[in-house]
N, C-alpha and C. Protein backbone atom coordinates (compact mmCIF):
# COMPACT_ATOMS: atom_id res chain seq x y z
N MET A 1 -157.54 -4.74 18.39
CA MET A 1 -156.80 -5.50 17.38
C MET A 1 -156.53 -4.60 16.19
N SER A 2 -155.41 -4.81 15.56
CA SER A 2 -155.03 -3.99 14.41
C SER A 2 -155.80 -4.42 13.16
N SER A 3 -155.78 -3.57 12.17
CA SER A 3 -156.42 -3.85 10.90
C SER A 3 -155.68 -4.98 10.18
N PHE A 4 -156.42 -5.76 9.42
CA PHE A 4 -155.80 -6.85 8.67
C PHE A 4 -154.72 -6.35 7.73
N LYS A 5 -154.79 -5.10 7.33
CA LYS A 5 -153.78 -4.53 6.44
C LYS A 5 -152.43 -4.39 7.13
N GLU A 6 -152.42 -4.40 8.45
CA GLU A 6 -151.18 -4.24 9.22
C GLU A 6 -150.61 -5.58 9.71
N TRP A 7 -151.32 -6.69 9.49
CA TRP A 7 -150.90 -7.98 10.02
C TRP A 7 -149.52 -8.41 9.54
N LEU A 8 -149.19 -8.19 8.29
CA LEU A 8 -147.92 -8.65 7.73
C LEU A 8 -146.73 -8.10 8.51
N HIS A 9 -146.83 -6.85 8.93
CA HIS A 9 -145.71 -6.20 9.61
C HIS A 9 -145.82 -6.25 11.13
N ALA A 10 -146.92 -6.78 11.64
CA ALA A 10 -147.11 -6.89 13.09
C ALA A 10 -146.28 -8.07 13.62
N PRO A 11 -145.90 -8.05 14.90
CA PRO A 11 -145.17 -9.20 15.46
C PRO A 11 -146.05 -10.44 15.46
N ALA A 12 -145.42 -11.59 15.34
CA ALA A 12 -146.15 -12.85 15.35
C ALA A 12 -146.72 -13.12 16.74
N ILE A 13 -147.92 -13.67 16.78
CA ILE A 13 -148.55 -14.06 18.04
C ILE A 13 -147.85 -15.30 18.59
N ARG A 14 -147.57 -16.23 17.69
CA ARG A 14 -146.87 -17.49 18.01
C ARG A 14 -146.48 -18.14 16.70
N GLN A 15 -145.87 -19.31 16.79
CA GLN A 15 -145.51 -20.06 15.59
C GLN A 15 -146.20 -21.41 15.61
N VAL A 16 -146.51 -21.92 14.43
CA VAL A 16 -147.13 -23.23 14.29
C VAL A 16 -146.42 -24.00 13.18
N VAL A 17 -146.52 -25.32 13.23
CA VAL A 17 -145.92 -26.17 12.21
C VAL A 17 -147.04 -26.76 11.36
N CYS A 18 -146.86 -26.69 10.05
CA CYS A 18 -147.84 -27.27 9.12
C CYS A 18 -147.73 -28.79 9.20
N LYS A 19 -148.85 -29.47 9.43
CA LYS A 19 -148.80 -30.93 9.51
C LYS A 19 -149.23 -31.61 8.21
N HIS A 20 -150.00 -30.90 7.37
CA HIS A 20 -150.35 -31.43 6.05
C HIS A 20 -150.87 -30.31 5.17
N ALA A 21 -150.91 -30.56 3.87
CA ALA A 21 -151.44 -29.59 2.91
C ALA A 21 -152.45 -30.29 2.00
N ASP A 22 -153.10 -31.31 2.55
CA ASP A 22 -154.08 -32.07 1.78
C ASP A 22 -155.46 -31.44 1.96
N ALA A 23 -155.89 -30.70 0.97
CA ALA A 23 -157.17 -30.01 1.04
C ALA A 23 -158.19 -30.69 0.13
N GLU A 24 -159.43 -30.79 0.62
CA GLU A 24 -160.49 -31.36 -0.19
C GLU A 24 -161.00 -30.37 -1.23
N LYS A 25 -161.07 -29.11 -0.85
CA LYS A 25 -161.75 -28.13 -1.69
C LYS A 25 -160.81 -27.11 -2.33
N TYR A 26 -159.74 -26.75 -1.64
CA TYR A 26 -158.86 -25.68 -2.12
C TYR A 26 -157.45 -26.20 -2.36
N LEU A 27 -156.70 -25.56 -3.22
CA LEU A 27 -155.32 -25.92 -3.50
C LEU A 27 -154.41 -25.16 -2.54
N VAL A 28 -153.84 -25.86 -1.57
CA VAL A 28 -152.96 -25.20 -0.61
C VAL A 28 -151.52 -25.71 -0.69
N THR A 29 -151.27 -26.70 -1.54
CA THR A 29 -149.91 -27.25 -1.64
C THR A 29 -148.92 -26.23 -2.18
N ASN A 30 -149.40 -25.21 -2.87
CA ASN A 30 -148.51 -24.17 -3.41
C ASN A 30 -148.13 -23.14 -2.35
N VAL A 31 -148.88 -23.07 -1.26
CA VAL A 31 -148.65 -22.01 -0.27
C VAL A 31 -148.29 -22.50 1.13
N LEU A 32 -148.48 -23.79 1.40
CA LEU A 32 -148.10 -24.38 2.69
C LEU A 32 -147.22 -25.60 2.45
N THR A 33 -146.20 -25.76 3.28
CA THR A 33 -145.29 -26.89 3.17
C THR A 33 -145.33 -27.70 4.47
N PRO A 34 -145.73 -28.97 4.41
CA PRO A 34 -145.74 -29.79 5.62
C PRO A 34 -144.36 -29.82 6.27
N GLY A 35 -144.33 -29.66 7.60
CA GLY A 35 -143.08 -29.66 8.34
C GLY A 35 -142.48 -28.28 8.52
N LYS A 36 -142.96 -27.29 7.78
CA LYS A 36 -142.43 -25.93 7.88
C LYS A 36 -143.13 -25.16 9.00
N THR A 37 -142.39 -24.29 9.66
CA THR A 37 -142.93 -23.45 10.73
C THR A 37 -143.38 -22.11 10.15
N TYR A 38 -144.56 -21.67 10.58
CA TYR A 38 -145.14 -20.42 10.09
C TYR A 38 -145.45 -19.49 11.26
N ASP A 39 -145.31 -18.18 11.02
CA ASP A 39 -145.66 -17.16 12.01
C ASP A 39 -147.16 -16.90 11.95
N VAL A 40 -147.81 -16.99 13.10
CA VAL A 40 -149.24 -16.68 13.21
C VAL A 40 -149.40 -15.19 13.47
N LYS A 41 -150.17 -14.54 12.63
CA LYS A 41 -150.41 -13.10 12.77
C LYS A 41 -151.74 -12.80 13.44
N ASN A 42 -152.71 -13.70 13.29
CA ASN A 42 -154.02 -13.55 13.91
C ASN A 42 -154.71 -14.90 13.87
N GLU A 43 -155.76 -15.08 14.70
CA GLU A 43 -156.51 -16.32 14.64
C GLU A 43 -157.94 -16.11 15.10
N THR A 44 -158.81 -17.00 14.61
CA THR A 44 -160.20 -17.05 15.02
C THR A 44 -160.44 -18.46 15.54
N GLU A 45 -161.67 -18.78 15.85
CA GLU A 45 -161.98 -20.12 16.33
C GLU A 45 -161.65 -21.18 15.28
N GLU A 46 -161.82 -20.84 14.01
CA GLU A 46 -161.68 -21.81 12.93
C GLU A 46 -160.41 -21.65 12.09
N PHE A 47 -159.86 -20.44 12.03
CA PHE A 47 -158.76 -20.15 11.12
C PHE A 47 -157.52 -19.61 11.84
N LEU A 48 -156.35 -19.88 11.21
CA LEU A 48 -155.10 -19.22 11.57
C LEU A 48 -154.69 -18.38 10.38
N PHE A 49 -154.25 -17.17 10.65
CA PHE A 49 -153.76 -16.28 9.60
C PHE A 49 -152.25 -16.25 9.72
N VAL A 50 -151.58 -16.85 8.75
CA VAL A 50 -150.13 -17.02 8.80
C VAL A 50 -149.48 -16.38 7.58
N VAL A 51 -148.18 -16.09 7.70
CA VAL A 51 -147.41 -15.66 6.54
C VAL A 51 -147.03 -16.93 5.79
N ASP A 52 -147.65 -17.15 4.65
CA ASP A 52 -147.46 -18.40 3.91
C ASP A 52 -146.25 -18.32 2.97
N ASN A 53 -146.11 -19.31 2.11
CA ASN A 53 -144.94 -19.38 1.22
C ASN A 53 -144.89 -18.26 0.18
N THR A 54 -145.99 -17.54 0.00
CA THR A 54 -146.00 -16.42 -0.95
C THR A 54 -145.44 -15.15 -0.31
N GLY A 55 -145.26 -15.19 1.03
CA GLY A 55 -144.79 -14.00 1.74
C GLY A 55 -145.92 -13.08 2.16
N LYS A 56 -147.15 -13.51 1.93
CA LYS A 56 -148.33 -12.73 2.31
C LYS A 56 -149.09 -13.45 3.41
N VAL A 57 -149.98 -12.74 4.07
CA VAL A 57 -150.80 -13.34 5.12
C VAL A 57 -152.00 -14.01 4.48
N GLY A 58 -152.20 -15.29 4.79
CA GLY A 58 -153.35 -16.03 4.29
C GLY A 58 -154.06 -16.71 5.44
N GLY A 59 -155.36 -16.92 5.30
CA GLY A 59 -156.14 -17.60 6.33
C GLY A 59 -156.35 -19.05 5.98
N TYR A 60 -156.05 -19.95 6.92
CA TYR A 60 -156.15 -21.39 6.68
C TYR A 60 -156.82 -22.06 7.87
N TYR A 61 -157.55 -23.14 7.60
CA TYR A 61 -158.16 -23.90 8.68
C TYR A 61 -157.09 -24.37 9.65
N LYS A 62 -157.41 -24.38 10.93
CA LYS A 62 -156.47 -24.81 11.96
C LYS A 62 -156.05 -26.26 11.80
N THR A 63 -156.85 -27.05 11.07
CA THR A 63 -156.54 -28.47 10.90
C THR A 63 -155.25 -28.72 10.12
N TYR A 64 -154.75 -27.70 9.43
CA TYR A 64 -153.50 -27.86 8.69
C TYR A 64 -152.26 -27.77 9.59
N PHE A 65 -152.46 -27.36 10.84
CA PHE A 65 -151.31 -27.08 11.72
C PHE A 65 -151.35 -27.88 13.00
N GLU A 66 -150.15 -28.07 13.57
CA GLU A 66 -150.03 -28.74 14.87
C GLU A 66 -150.19 -27.72 15.98
C-alpha cells in the first residue's frame, strides 16, 4: 500500500455516497454533504478515507456512507 501522503493523487478504490453528516462528537457538516458522491482513497475496518469537500483526504467512520 502507498504512503498516506500519496493518497490524494492515487486512483480511487471506489466511490461512496454520504448518507448523513450528523456527528455526535465531531463537526463534519463542513466537510461532508449528504447525497454527494466521494472518492475512496483507502479504508480500514472502521474508517473510509475520502477526498472531502476541502479537497483533502480525510478519515471518516463508515457509518456516514452508503
